[in-house]
Protein backbone atom coordinates (compact mmCIF):
# COMPACT_ATOMS: atom_id res chain seq x y z
CA MET A 1 35.66 -25.50 -19.70
CA ASN A 2 32.84 -26.87 -21.83
CA SER A 3 33.89 -30.46 -21.11
CA THR A 4 33.95 -29.75 -17.36
CA TRP A 5 30.50 -28.20 -17.54
CA ARG A 6 29.14 -31.17 -19.49
CA LEU A 7 30.67 -33.58 -16.95
CA VAL A 8 29.10 -31.70 -14.03
CA ARG A 9 25.74 -31.57 -15.80
CA ALA A 10 25.88 -35.29 -16.65
CA ARG A 11 26.66 -36.21 -13.04
CA THR A 12 23.90 -33.96 -11.78
CA MET A 13 21.39 -35.50 -14.19
CA ARG A 14 22.46 -39.02 -13.14
CA ARG A 15 21.91 -38.15 -9.50
CA VAL A 16 18.54 -36.59 -10.28
CA ARG A 17 17.46 -39.67 -12.25
CA SER A 18 18.72 -41.95 -9.48
CA GLY A 19 16.75 -39.97 -6.90
CA ALA A 20 13.66 -40.07 -9.10
CA ARG A 21 13.96 -43.86 -9.47
CA LYS A 22 14.29 -44.26 -5.71
CA TRP A 23 11.28 -41.99 -5.21
CA ARG A 24 9.13 -43.96 -7.65
CA GLY A 25 10.38 -47.38 -6.57
CA SER A 26 10.23 -47.14 -2.78
CA LEU A 27 7.13 -46.47 -0.73
CA GLN A 28 9.30 -46.02 2.36
CA VAL A 29 11.37 -43.28 0.70
CA ARG A 30 8.22 -41.45 -0.40
CA VAL A 31 6.64 -41.62 3.06
CA ILE A 32 9.83 -40.51 4.85
CA THR A 33 10.48 -37.71 2.37
CA THR A 34 6.91 -36.46 2.50
CA THR A 35 6.81 -36.61 6.30
CA MET A 36 10.14 -34.81 6.60
CA ALA A 37 9.06 -32.13 4.13
CA ILE A 38 5.76 -31.52 5.92
CA GLY A 39 7.55 -31.54 9.29
CA LEU A 40 10.17 -29.05 8.12
CA VAL A 41 7.54 -26.70 6.70
CA ALA A 42 5.44 -26.91 9.86
CA LEU A 43 8.46 -26.34 12.11
CA ALA A 44 9.63 -23.44 9.94
CA VAL A 45 6.24 -21.76 10.16
CA ILE A 46 6.01 -22.34 13.91
CA GLY A 47 9.62 -21.21 14.42
CA VAL A 48 9.08 -17.97 12.51
CA TYR A 49 5.88 -17.29 14.43
CA VAL A 50 7.45 -17.99 17.85
CA SER A 51 10.57 -15.98 16.98
CA GLU A 52 8.47 -13.00 15.92
CA ARG A 53 6.41 -13.23 19.07
CA MET A 54 9.52 -13.42 21.28
CA ARG A 55 11.14 -10.49 19.48
CA ASP A 56 8.03 -8.35 19.77
CA GLY A 57 7.61 -9.29 23.41
CA LEU A 58 11.19 -8.50 24.38
CA PHE A 59 11.19 -5.25 22.40
CA THR A 60 7.83 -4.05 23.76
CA ALA A 61 8.76 -4.83 27.36
CA ARG A 62 12.10 -3.03 27.06
CA VAL A 63 10.56 0.01 25.36
CA ASP A 64 7.89 0.28 28.07
CA GLN A 65 10.60 0.07 30.70
CA VAL A 66 12.70 2.71 28.91
CA LEU A 67 9.78 5.11 28.52
CA GLU A 68 8.84 4.81 32.17
CA GLU A 69 12.43 5.24 33.29
CA SER A 70 13.07 8.22 30.99
CA ALA A 71 9.87 9.89 32.20
CA ARG A 72 11.09 9.65 35.82
CA SER A 73 14.53 10.94 34.83
CA THR A 74 12.98 13.85 32.94
CA LYS A 75 10.96 14.85 36.02
CA ALA A 76 14.09 14.68 38.14
CA ALA A 77 16.02 16.83 35.67
CA GLN A 78 13.17 19.34 35.49
CA ALA A 79 13.18 19.57 39.30
CA THR A 80 16.91 20.28 39.24
CA PHE A 81 16.45 23.02 36.64
CA ASP A 82 13.61 24.57 38.64
CA ALA A 83 15.74 24.70 41.81
CA SER A 84 18.81 26.12 40.06
CA THR A 85 19.83 29.82 40.47
CA ALA A 86 22.30 29.84 37.57
CA THR A 87 22.03 33.01 35.47
CA SER A 88 25.32 33.32 33.58
CA GLY A 89 26.28 31.33 30.54
CA THR A 90 29.05 29.52 32.42
CA ASP A 91 26.75 28.56 35.26
CA VAL A 92 24.07 27.32 32.86
CA LEU A 93 26.59 25.29 30.88
CA ASN A 94 27.91 23.70 34.10
CA LEU A 95 24.36 23.00 35.17
CA LEU A 96 23.57 21.26 31.89
CA HIS A 97 26.73 19.13 32.07
CA ASP A 98 26.04 18.19 35.68
CA VAL A 99 22.49 17.13 34.87
CA ALA A 100 23.61 15.13 31.81
CA LEU A 101 26.25 13.24 33.77
CA ALA A 102 23.90 12.67 36.70
CA GLN A 103 21.15 11.30 34.45
CA ARG A 104 23.63 9.10 32.55
CA ALA A 105 24.44 7.22 35.73
CA GLY A 106 20.88 7.15 37.02
CA GLY A 107 19.46 4.58 34.60
CA SER A 108 18.85 0.84 35.05
CA GLY A 109 21.42 0.15 32.39
CA ALA A 110 23.92 1.80 30.12
CA ARG A 111 22.51 4.94 28.53
CA GLU A 112 23.64 8.24 27.10
CA VAL A 113 22.02 11.64 27.77
CA PHE A 114 21.76 14.63 25.45
CA LEU A 115 20.48 18.14 26.37
CA LEU A 116 19.95 20.04 23.15
CA ARG A 117 18.49 23.44 22.46
CA ALA A 118 14.93 23.16 21.28
CA PRO A 119 14.29 24.28 17.72
CA GLY A 120 13.40 28.02 17.52
CA GLN A 121 14.80 28.94 20.97
CA LYS A 122 17.15 31.98 21.10
CA GLY A 123 18.02 31.84 24.80
CA GLY A 124 17.23 35.39 25.97
CA GLY A 125 20.84 36.77 26.52
CA VAL A 126 22.47 33.44 27.55
CA ALA A 127 23.74 31.48 24.54
CA VAL A 128 24.27 27.81 25.59
CA THR A 129 23.71 25.19 22.83
CA GLY A 130 23.51 22.22 25.13
CA ALA A 131 25.42 19.35 26.73
CA ALA A 132 25.90 15.63 26.04
CA SER A 133 27.41 12.67 27.90
CA ALA A 134 28.75 11.39 24.55
CA PRO A 135 29.05 14.28 22.06
CA VAL A 136 30.00 11.89 19.18
CA LEU A 137 26.53 10.32 19.38
CA VAL A 138 24.62 13.59 19.08
CA PRO A 139 24.01 12.96 15.32
CA LEU A 140 21.85 9.95 16.30
CA VAL A 141 19.17 12.44 17.32
CA SER A 142 17.32 12.82 14.05
CA PRO A 143 15.68 16.07 12.94
CA GLU A 144 12.37 14.25 12.74
CA LEU A 145 12.58 13.26 16.41
CA LYS A 146 13.56 16.83 17.37
CA ALA A 147 10.62 18.26 15.48
CA VAL A 148 8.03 15.90 16.96
CA THR A 149 9.48 16.34 20.48
CA ALA A 150 9.10 20.10 20.15
CA THR A 151 5.35 19.62 19.94
CA GLY A 152 5.31 18.39 23.51
CA GLY A 153 5.05 15.05 25.27
CA GLN A 154 7.31 12.01 25.22
CA HIS A 155 8.47 10.52 21.91
CA TRP A 156 10.87 7.75 20.91
CA GLN A 157 12.59 6.34 17.81
CA SER A 158 14.58 3.17 17.03
CA VAL A 159 18.20 3.86 16.04
CA ALA A 160 21.40 1.96 15.37
CA TRP A 161 24.11 2.58 17.98
CA PRO A 162 27.54 2.33 16.34
CA VAL A 163 30.14 0.45 18.43
CA THR A 164 33.53 -1.08 17.65
CA THR A 165 32.02 -4.47 16.73
CA GLY A 166 29.26 -3.01 14.57
CA ASP A 167 25.83 -1.52 15.14
CA GLU A 168 23.70 -2.34 18.16
CA PRO A 169 19.94 -1.92 18.28
CA ALA A 170 18.95 1.05 20.43
CA VAL A 171 16.06 3.42 21.17
CA MET A 172 16.16 7.22 21.52
CA VAL A 173 13.59 8.84 23.89
CA GLY A 174 13.04 12.62 23.97
CA GLN A 175 11.04 15.14 26.02
CA ASN A 176 11.09 18.92 26.53
CA VAL A 177 12.47 20.55 29.74
CA ASN A 178 12.57 24.24 30.73
CA VAL A 179 15.71 25.92 32.10
CA ARG A 180 14.96 29.08 34.12
CA GLY A 181 16.27 32.16 32.46
CA VAL A 182 17.46 30.31 29.36
CA GLY A 183 14.46 28.68 27.64
CA THR A 184 13.36 25.26 26.45
CA TYR A 185 15.73 22.35 25.95
CA GLN A 186 15.12 18.82 24.70
CA LEU A 187 16.30 15.98 26.94
CA PHE A 188 17.15 12.79 24.99
CA PHE A 189 18.03 9.38 26.45
CA LEU A 190 19.81 6.73 24.31
CA TYR A 191 19.24 3.15 25.53
CA SER A 192 20.98 0.05 24.11
CA LEU A 193 18.88 -3.02 23.32
CA GLN A 194 21.84 -5.33 22.78
CA SER A 195 21.06 -7.43 25.86
CA GLU A 196 17.56 -8.06 24.54
CA GLN A 197 19.06 -8.89 21.12
CA ASP A 198 21.44 -11.38 22.72
CA ARG A 199 18.58 -12.94 24.64
CA LEU A 200 16.52 -13.20 21.45
CA GLU A 201 19.39 -14.84 19.54
CA PHE A 202 19.89 -17.33 22.36
CA LEU A 203 16.21 -18.25 22.32
CA GLN A 204 16.31 -18.58 18.52
CA ARG A 205 19.35 -20.89 18.66
CA THR A 206 17.63 -22.97 21.30
CA LEU A 207 14.51 -23.14 19.17
CA LEU A 208 16.56 -24.15 16.10
CA LEU A 209 18.32 -26.93 18.00
CA ALA A 210 14.98 -28.15 19.31
CA ALA A 211 13.58 -28.11 15.75
CA VAL A 212 16.56 -30.10 14.43
CA ALA A 213 16.17 -32.64 17.21
CA LEU A 214 12.43 -32.85 16.56
CA VAL A 215 12.97 -33.36 12.83
CA ALA A 216 15.52 -36.09 13.50
CA LEU A 217 13.12 -37.75 15.94
CA LEU A 218 10.28 -37.44 13.44
CA GLY A 219 12.41 -38.94 10.65
CA SER A 220 13.53 -41.82 12.87
CA MET A 221 9.99 -42.58 13.98
CA THR A 222 8.73 -42.41 10.39
CA TRP A 223 11.51 -44.70 9.19
CA LEU A 224 10.78 -47.20 11.97
CA VAL A 225 7.02 -47.18 11.39
CA THR A 226 7.28 -47.41 7.60
CA ARG A 227 9.88 -50.14 7.89
CA GLN A 228 7.55 -52.21 10.03
CA ALA A 229 4.70 -51.57 7.56
CA VAL A 230 6.66 -51.89 4.31
CA ARG A 231 8.74 -54.97 5.08
CA PRO A 232 5.77 -57.38 5.03
CA VAL A 233 4.45 -55.75 1.84
CA ARG A 234 7.89 -56.02 0.25
CA ARG A 235 8.13 -59.62 1.35
CA ALA A 236 4.68 -60.30 -0.09
CA ALA A 237 5.78 -58.75 -3.42
CA GLU A 238 8.89 -60.97 -3.48
CA VAL A 239 6.84 -64.08 -2.71
CA ALA A 240 4.30 -63.08 -5.39
CA GLU A 241 7.11 -62.73 -7.94
CA ARG A 242 8.44 -66.15 -6.96
CA LEU A 243 4.95 -67.60 -7.34
CA ALA A 244 4.65 -65.97 -10.77
CA ASP A 245 7.97 -67.58 -11.75
CA GLY A 246 6.52 -71.00 -10.95
CA HIS A 247 7.81 -71.53 -7.39
CA LEU A 248 4.41 -72.47 -6.01
CA SER A 249 5.76 -73.59 -2.63
CA GLU A 250 6.85 -70.07 -1.63
CA ARG A 251 5.10 -68.68 1.46
CA MET A 252 5.24 -65.57 3.65
CA PRO A 253 6.51 -65.90 7.26
CA GLU A 254 3.75 -65.58 9.86
CA ARG A 255 4.69 -63.79 13.09
CA GLY A 256 2.39 -62.46 15.79
CA GLU A 257 -1.31 -61.74 15.75
CA ASP A 258 -1.41 -58.22 14.25
CA GLU A 259 -2.74 -57.04 10.89
CA MET A 260 0.48 -57.97 9.09
CA ALA A 261 0.27 -61.50 10.45
CA THR A 262 -3.33 -61.66 9.22
CA LEU A 263 -2.16 -60.47 5.81
CA ALA A 264 0.55 -63.16 5.76
CA ARG A 265 -1.93 -65.91 6.69
CA SER A 266 -4.44 -64.75 4.08
CA PHE A 267 -1.72 -64.54 1.45
CA ASN A 268 -0.45 -68.03 2.28
CA GLU A 269 -3.96 -69.45 2.16
CA MET A 270 -4.45 -67.83 -1.25
CA ALA A 271 -1.09 -69.20 -2.45
CA ALA A 272 -1.96 -72.69 -1.21
CA SER A 273 -5.34 -72.52 -2.95
CA LEU A 274 -3.72 -71.37 -6.19
CA GLN A 275 -1.11 -74.11 -5.95
CA ASP A 276 -3.78 -76.73 -5.47
CA GLN A 277 -5.88 -75.42 -8.37
CA ILE A 278 -2.86 -75.14 -10.66
CA HIS A 279 -1.80 -78.69 -9.82
CA ARG A 280 -5.28 -79.96 -10.53
CA MET A 281 -5.41 -78.03 -13.79
CA GLU A 282 -2.01 -79.38 -14.78
CA GLU A 283 -3.14 -82.92 -14.03
CA LEU A 284 -6.36 -82.35 -15.97
CA SER A 285 -4.42 -80.82 -18.87
CA THR A 286 -2.01 -83.75 -18.86
CA LEU A 287 -4.89 -86.19 -18.87
CA GLN A 288 -6.57 -84.30 -21.72
CA ARG A 289 -3.39 -84.24 -23.81
CA ARG A 290 -2.78 -87.90 -23.13
CA PHE A 291 -6.38 -88.71 -24.00
CA VAL A 292 -6.21 -86.76 -27.28
CA SER A 293 -2.86 -88.33 -28.17
CA ASP A 294 -3.95 -91.87 -27.26
CA VAL A 295 -7.31 -91.57 -29.02
CA SER A 296 -5.66 -90.07 -32.10
CA HIS A 297 -3.14 -92.88 -32.30
CA GLU A 298 -5.71 -95.56 -31.56
CA LEU A 299 -8.03 -94.26 -34.28
CA ARG A 300 -5.40 -94.46 -36.98
CA THR A 301 -5.66 -98.26 -37.32
CA PRO A 302 -9.47 -98.48 -37.68
CA LEU A 303 -9.39 -95.37 -39.86
CA THR A 304 -6.90 -97.03 -42.18
CA THR A 305 -9.16 -100.06 -42.42
CA VAL A 306 -12.24 -97.92 -43.06
CA ARG A 307 -10.25 -95.88 -45.58
CA MET A 308 -9.24 -99.02 -47.51
CA ALA A 309 -12.83 -100.27 -47.54
CA GLY A 310 -14.09 -96.85 -48.55
CA GLU A 311 -11.58 -96.68 -51.41
CA VAL A 312 -12.80 -100.03 -52.70
CA ILE A 313 -16.42 -98.87 -52.51
CA TYR A 314 -15.57 -95.51 -54.07
CA MET A 315 -13.68 -97.10 -56.98
CA SER A 316 -16.72 -99.31 -57.68
CA ARG A 317 -19.28 -96.48 -57.51
CA GLY A 318 -19.84 -96.63 -61.26
CA THR A 319 -21.74 -99.94 -60.90
CA PHE A 320 -24.08 -98.60 -58.19
CA ASP A 321 -27.44 -96.99 -58.55
CA PRO A 322 -27.44 -93.17 -58.11
CA ALA A 323 -28.40 -93.16 -54.40
CA VAL A 324 -25.72 -95.71 -53.42
CA LYS A 325 -23.20 -93.95 -55.67
CA ARG A 326 -23.92 -90.66 -53.93
CA SER A 327 -23.55 -92.31 -50.53
CA ALA A 328 -20.16 -93.71 -51.55
CA GLU A 329 -19.03 -90.25 -52.61
CA LEU A 330 -20.22 -88.68 -49.31
CA LEU A 331 -18.51 -91.46 -47.38
CA GLN A 332 -15.25 -90.69 -49.16
CA THR A 333 -15.62 -86.97 -48.43
CA GLN A 334 -16.26 -87.50 -44.74
CA LEU A 335 -13.36 -89.96 -44.52
CA ASP A 336 -11.10 -87.22 -45.93
CA ARG A 337 -12.39 -84.78 -43.38
CA PHE A 338 -12.04 -87.27 -40.54
CA GLU A 339 -8.47 -88.01 -41.60
CA GLU A 340 -7.66 -84.28 -41.64
CA LEU A 341 -9.17 -83.88 -38.16
CA LEU A 342 -7.15 -86.82 -36.86
CA ALA A 343 -3.96 -85.39 -38.39
CA ASP A 344 -4.66 -82.01 -36.78
CA LEU A 345 -5.30 -83.63 -33.39
CA LEU A 346 -2.00 -85.50 -33.63
CA GLU A 347 -0.20 -82.30 -34.61
CA ILE A 348 -1.71 -80.26 -31.79
CA SER A 349 -0.83 -83.01 -29.31
CA ARG A 350 2.80 -82.80 -30.48
CA PHE A 351 2.79 -79.07 -29.76
CA ASP A 352 1.27 -79.66 -26.33
CA ALA A 353 3.88 -82.28 -25.54
CA GLY A 354 6.71 -80.07 -26.80
CA ALA A 355 7.66 -82.70 -29.38
CA ALA A 356 7.23 -80.53 -32.48
CA VAL A 357 10.50 -80.28 -34.42
CA LEU A 358 11.39 -77.54 -36.90
CA GLU A 359 13.15 -78.79 -40.03
CA ALA A 360 14.40 -75.43 -41.23
CA GLY A 361 16.40 -74.69 -44.33
CA GLY A 362 17.10 -71.77 -46.63
CA ARG A 363 14.09 -71.35 -48.93
CA ASP A 364 12.56 -68.63 -51.05
CA VAL A 365 9.28 -67.72 -49.40
CA ARG A 366 7.85 -66.71 -52.77
CA ASP A 367 7.96 -70.34 -53.92
CA VAL A 368 6.12 -71.48 -50.79
CA VAL A 369 3.47 -68.80 -51.33
CA VAL A 370 2.94 -69.85 -54.95
CA ALA A 371 2.61 -73.52 -53.90
CA ALA A 372 -0.01 -72.63 -51.29
CA VAL A 373 -1.92 -70.50 -53.80
CA ASP A 374 -1.87 -73.33 -56.35
CA HIS A 375 -3.32 -75.64 -53.71
CA ALA A 376 -6.13 -73.18 -52.88
CA ALA A 377 -6.91 -72.22 -56.49
CA PRO A 378 -9.54 -74.97 -57.12
CA LEU A 379 -11.44 -73.96 -53.99
CA ALA A 380 -11.27 -70.30 -55.05
CA GLU A 381 -12.65 -71.22 -58.45
CA ARG A 382 -15.56 -73.10 -56.94
CA ARG A 383 -16.26 -70.14 -54.63
CA SER A 384 -16.00 -67.61 -57.51
CA THR A 385 -13.19 -65.85 -55.69
CA TRP A 386 -10.23 -64.19 -57.40
CA LEU A 387 -6.74 -64.72 -55.99
CA ARG A 388 -4.39 -61.79 -56.45
CA VAL A 389 -0.74 -62.38 -55.46
CA THR A 390 1.90 -59.65 -55.23
CA VAL A 391 5.51 -60.72 -54.69
CA PRO A 392 8.76 -58.72 -54.85
CA GLU A 393 11.15 -59.20 -57.74
CA LYS A 394 14.08 -60.11 -55.48
CA ALA A 395 14.27 -63.46 -53.73
CA CYS A 396 12.89 -63.57 -50.17
CA LEU A 397 15.25 -66.12 -48.64
CA ALA A 398 14.69 -67.22 -45.04
CA ASP A 399 15.44 -70.18 -42.78
CA ILE A 400 12.01 -71.84 -42.69
CA ASP A 401 10.36 -75.23 -42.58
CA PRO A 402 8.57 -75.14 -45.97
CA ARG A 403 6.03 -77.78 -44.94
CA ARG A 404 4.88 -75.81 -41.91
CA VAL A 405 4.93 -72.42 -43.65
CA GLU A 406 2.92 -73.78 -46.57
CA ARG A 407 0.44 -75.26 -44.10
CA ILE A 408 0.08 -71.82 -42.45
CA LEU A 409 -0.57 -70.16 -45.81
CA ARG A 410 -3.03 -72.86 -46.90
CA ASN A 411 -5.02 -72.39 -43.72
CA LEU A 412 -5.05 -68.61 -44.15
CA LEU A 413 -6.08 -68.85 -47.81
CA VAL A 414 -8.84 -71.38 -47.15
CA ASN A 415 -10.14 -69.24 -44.28
CA ALA A 416 -10.07 -66.10 -46.45
CA ILE A 417 -11.79 -67.79 -49.39
CA GLU A 418 -14.50 -69.20 -47.13
CA HIS A 419 -15.31 -65.78 -45.67
CA ALA A 420 -14.67 -63.62 -48.77
CA GLU A 421 -18.20 -64.24 -50.12
CA GLY A 422 -17.06 -63.99 -53.72
CA THR A 423 -14.76 -60.97 -53.33
CA ALA A 424 -11.08 -60.96 -54.27
CA VAL A 425 -8.46 -62.32 -51.86
CA GLU A 426 -5.14 -60.48 -51.94
CA VAL A 427 -1.84 -62.15 -50.99
CA THR A 428 1.15 -59.83 -50.54
CA VAL A 429 4.77 -60.79 -49.84
CA GLY A 430 7.27 -58.31 -48.39
CA ALA A 431 10.76 -58.50 -46.93
CA ASP A 432 13.45 -56.40 -45.30
CA SER A 433 16.89 -57.14 -43.89
CA HIS A 434 15.52 -58.94 -40.80
CA ALA A 435 12.15 -60.47 -41.65
CA VAL A 436 9.84 -61.79 -44.35
CA ALA A 437 6.09 -61.18 -44.18
CA VAL A 438 3.00 -62.45 -45.98
CA THR A 439 -0.45 -60.87 -45.67
CA VAL A 440 -3.74 -62.46 -46.74
CA ARG A 441 -6.52 -59.92 -47.16
CA ASP A 442 -10.19 -60.46 -47.93
CA ARG A 443 -13.12 -58.05 -48.10
CA GLY A 444 -15.84 -60.39 -46.94
CA VAL A 445 -17.91 -60.49 -43.78
CA GLY A 446 -15.02 -59.42 -41.55
CA MET A 447 -14.88 -59.74 -37.77
CA THR A 448 -14.90 -57.56 -34.67
CA PRO A 449 -11.73 -56.73 -32.68
CA ASP A 450 -12.91 -59.09 -29.95
CA GLU A 451 -13.31 -61.91 -32.46
CA ALA A 452 -9.84 -61.16 -33.83
CA GLN A 453 -8.43 -61.89 -30.35
CA HIS A 454 -10.06 -65.34 -30.30
CA VAL A 455 -9.65 -66.34 -33.93
CA PHE A 456 -6.61 -68.51 -33.12
CA ASP A 457 -8.33 -70.38 -30.28
CA ARG A 458 -8.94 -74.08 -30.77
CA PHE A 459 -12.34 -75.01 -32.21
CA TRP A 460 -13.45 -71.36 -31.98
CA ARG A 461 -15.92 -69.99 -34.52
CA ALA A 462 -17.10 -66.38 -34.78
CA ASP A 463 -20.61 -67.44 -35.78
CA PRO A 464 -21.50 -71.03 -34.75
CA ALA A 465 -24.64 -70.84 -36.91
CA ARG A 466 -22.60 -70.15 -40.04
CA ALA A 467 -22.23 -73.23 -42.25
CA ARG A 468 -18.71 -74.46 -42.86
CA THR A 469 -18.42 -75.14 -46.57
CA THR A 470 -14.84 -76.38 -46.73
CA GLY A 471 -15.03 -79.03 -44.03
CA GLY A 472 -12.48 -77.45 -41.73
CA THR A 473 -11.53 -79.02 -38.40
CA GLY A 474 -11.46 -75.83 -36.30
CA LEU A 475 -7.78 -76.39 -35.50
CA GLY A 476 -6.18 -74.94 -38.61
CA LEU A 477 -5.50 -71.43 -37.31
CA ALA A 478 -4.45 -72.74 -33.89
CA ILE A 479 -1.88 -75.03 -35.54
CA SER A 480 -0.80 -72.16 -37.80
CA LEU A 481 -0.12 -69.99 -34.75
CA GLU A 482 1.97 -72.75 -33.16
CA ASP A 483 3.90 -73.18 -36.44
CA ALA A 484 4.62 -69.43 -36.52
CA HIS A 485 5.83 -69.46 -32.91
CA LEU A 486 8.01 -72.47 -33.67
CA HIS A 487 9.79 -70.31 -36.26
CA GLY A 488 10.12 -67.45 -33.76
CA GLY A 489 7.63 -65.43 -35.78
CA TRP A 490 4.26 -63.73 -35.50
CA LEU A 491 0.81 -64.55 -36.79
CA GLU A 492 -1.64 -61.68 -36.32
CA ALA A 493 -5.23 -60.92 -37.32
CA TRP A 494 -7.22 -57.76 -37.99
CA GLY A 495 -10.82 -57.37 -39.02
CA ARG A 496 -13.84 -55.10 -39.11
CA PRO A 497 -17.44 -56.18 -39.75
CA GLY A 498 -18.35 -55.60 -43.38
CA ARG A 499 -14.82 -54.52 -44.31
CA GLY A 500 -13.14 -57.91 -44.35
CA ALA A 501 -10.13 -59.29 -42.50
CA SER A 502 -6.36 -59.32 -42.80
CA PHE A 503 -3.89 -61.92 -41.51
CA ARG A 504 -0.16 -61.26 -41.37
CA LEU A 505 2.59 -63.87 -41.03
CA THR A 506 6.01 -62.47 -40.10
CA LEU A 507 9.07 -64.76 -39.96
CA PRO A 508 12.70 -63.92 -39.14
CA ARG A 509 15.17 -64.42 -41.99
CA ARG A 510 17.64 -66.20 -39.69
CA ALA A 511 17.21 -68.22 -36.53
CA GLY A 512 17.85 -66.18 -33.40
CA ILE A 513 16.63 -62.84 -34.78
CA ARG A 514 14.09 -61.20 -32.47
CA LEU A 515 11.34 -59.49 -34.39
CA THR A 516 10.58 -55.88 -33.57
CA ASP A 517 8.45 -54.94 -36.57
CA SER A 518 7.13 -56.35 -39.82
CA PRO A 519 7.86 -55.43 -43.44
CA LEU A 520 4.12 -55.24 -44.19
CA PRO A 521 1.33 -53.44 -42.33
CA LEU A 522 -1.34 -55.49 -40.60
CA VAL A 523 -4.09 -52.92 -40.97
CA PRO A 524 -4.71 -52.53 -44.71
CA ASP A 525 -4.93 -49.27 -46.59
CA GLU A 526 -8.61 -48.45 -46.86
CA THR A 527 -8.15 -46.60 -50.16
CA PRO A 528 -10.00 -48.74 -52.72
CA THR A 529 -7.92 -50.09 -55.58
CA VAL A 530 -9.02 -49.88 -59.22
CA ASP A 531 -8.81 -53.60 -59.88
CA ALA A 532 -10.53 -54.71 -56.69
CA VAL A 533 -13.50 -56.21 -58.53
CA ARG A 534 -16.40 -57.71 -56.59
CA VAL A 535 -17.72 -60.73 -58.42
CA PRO A 536 -21.28 -61.98 -58.01
CA LEU A 537 -21.85 -64.08 -54.91
CA VAL A 538 -22.41 -67.74 -55.73
CA ARG A 539 -23.61 -69.73 -52.73
CA PRO A 540 -23.32 -73.53 -52.87
CA ASN A 541 -26.44 -75.62 -52.81
CA THR A 542 -26.51 -77.68 -49.63
CA ASP A 543 -28.67 -80.41 -51.15
CA PRO A 544 -26.43 -83.55 -51.23
CA ALA A 545 -28.14 -84.84 -54.36
CA ALA A 546 -27.38 -81.58 -56.17
CA LEU A 547 -23.66 -81.48 -55.27
CA PRO A 548 -21.20 -81.73 -58.16
CA ASP A 549 -19.43 -84.96 -58.88
CA LEU A 550 -16.72 -85.32 -56.22
CA ALA A 551 -14.46 -87.04 -58.70
CA ASP A 552 -14.26 -83.80 -60.65
CA ALA A 553 -13.58 -81.86 -57.46
CA ARG A 554 -10.86 -84.20 -56.21
CA GLU A 555 -9.13 -84.69 -59.53
CA PRO A 556 -8.90 -81.31 -61.32
CA ASP A 557 -7.44 -81.06 -64.76
CA PRO A 558 -3.71 -80.24 -64.52
CA SER A 559 -4.16 -77.66 -67.25
CA ASP A 560 -6.54 -75.66 -65.05
CA GLU A 561 -5.11 -72.28 -64.11
CA PRO A 562 -6.03 -70.15 -61.08
CA GLN A 563 -8.28 -67.21 -61.82
CA GLU A 564 -5.59 -64.58 -61.35
CA VAL A 565 -2.16 -65.29 -59.88
CA ARG A 566 0.59 -62.70 -60.14
C-alpha cells in the first residue's frame, strides 16, 4: 500500500513539475491558460447571474398567476357556499366534496384542493372536518400556513410535492371561506411548479452548452492569435541562439508588411551589422596578433646583437669613470627588462594563436612553490618584506607543467612584494582529493573589487601614477591567467583598499577533472595573527646615481637565506 501511494505521489509530482516547466517556458501556454481561466470565471459569474434571474423570473410569474387564479377560484367557491341550502351534516359534507372536485378541475393546470376547518371553529351543531381532492396530501398544509391564513387574506408557501419519481417544487395558497350554517373553512390550492422547473433546467443546459462553445471558441482564437505572435518571437530566439553560437549568417524570414515583418527586418539588419563588426574586429585582432608576433620575432636578432654588445660593455665597466660605469649598468638593466618584455610578448602571442603547449607531468607542488619563493627572496629582502610559507606535511602531487606553474607563482610573489609596502607576504599551500591550491596574501595597499576584476587584463595598472619598482612588463598576470586556464584551473583575485590583496591558484590533480571548489579560501580570515609583524617601510631612492651596485643585485651570495621561509 505504501509503495503504491509513493508511486502515485511520484507520478503526480512529475506531472506537476512538467506542467510548471511548460508554464514557465512557453509564453503561448501562459497566455492561453490565463485567457481560458479568465473566460471561465467570467462565464461562470455571468451564468450564475443569468440562471438566478431566469429562476426568479419564472417563479415570480408562476406565483403571480397562481395567486390570481386561486383568488378567482376562492370567489367562485364562496359564491357556491352562499347559494347553498345545505343544513345537515351529510349535505354539508357533499357540498364540500363537490366544491373541492369542481375547483380541482377548474385551474389552468394540475392542482389539488383542500377544504379544512379553520382553527378554533366548532361548527354550531354540524360537525364536518372538511374535504380534499387528495387526502394523502393534506399534511402538506403546514400549521404555520393555517395560522396565518386564519388572520384573513390570501397567503402562500413553497412546499415539496412528493411524487413517484421524487419531490416536485410546488406552492400552497390558502384563503378563508364561510359556509352558511357551519362556520369558517380554509380553502387551500396546491399547484405544481415542475413545468417551470423543467423549463429552467432546459434554459440552464442551453446556457451551459453555449458557455462551453464560447470557451472553446475563445481558446481557439487565443491559440491562433498567440501562435501568430509567438512564432516570430520564437524564431528570433532560435536565430539569436544560432548567432551566439557563432553562426553569423543566420537570418529571420521576412514575410509581409506587418509589425512582425518589421521586427524581422530590424533583427536581420542588426545581425548583419554585428556580423560586419565582428568580422572587422576579427581581422583587426588577427592583424594585431600577427604584428605582435612578427615584431617580437624580428626584434630578437637586433636584441641579441645589442645584448652581446651590452655584455661586453658591462664586463668592462671597471675601467670606466663613474658616470660611464653607471650608464653601462643602467643599459644592462634595461636590456634585461626589454628581453623580459619581448619574451612575454612572444608568450602571449602563442596563447592568442592557440599554439601554447602544456608539458605536464606528476610533480609535487610544494617543490615548485619553494623554487618560486627562492627566486623572489632577494627582491623581498631588498623591499624589507618577510616571506612566510605554509605547506602541508603530505606531498601535493598533481599533473602540472612546472615551468608554467613556477612562472605563475613568481608573478604573484613579485606582485605581492611590490604592493606589500614592507608588510609580510604569506604563501599557503593546500590540497584535497581533487585539487591543489596556492594562495599569496599581502597586507599592503590592496585594491577595490572593480580593480580585482581588471587585474588580469593586459597592461592594466590600478594606479598609473604609481612607480613600478621591479620593472614589470604589465603582462605577467595576464600570462599567469592563461597558464592557469591551460591547466584547466583557476586564478582568482580578492582585495580591499588598505587591507591588502589575496590571489588564489587552483589546479586539478589530474587532467580532465572539472573544478567545483578550492581547498583554500580566496577571502582571507580577517582575524589578525600573532606573528603578522609589520616591518618599517623602506622606500627605494629613485636617484640613479644612488642605486646600489647592480652586480650585487644580479649576483647574490648563494649562502644568502630568505628572511623567513617555512
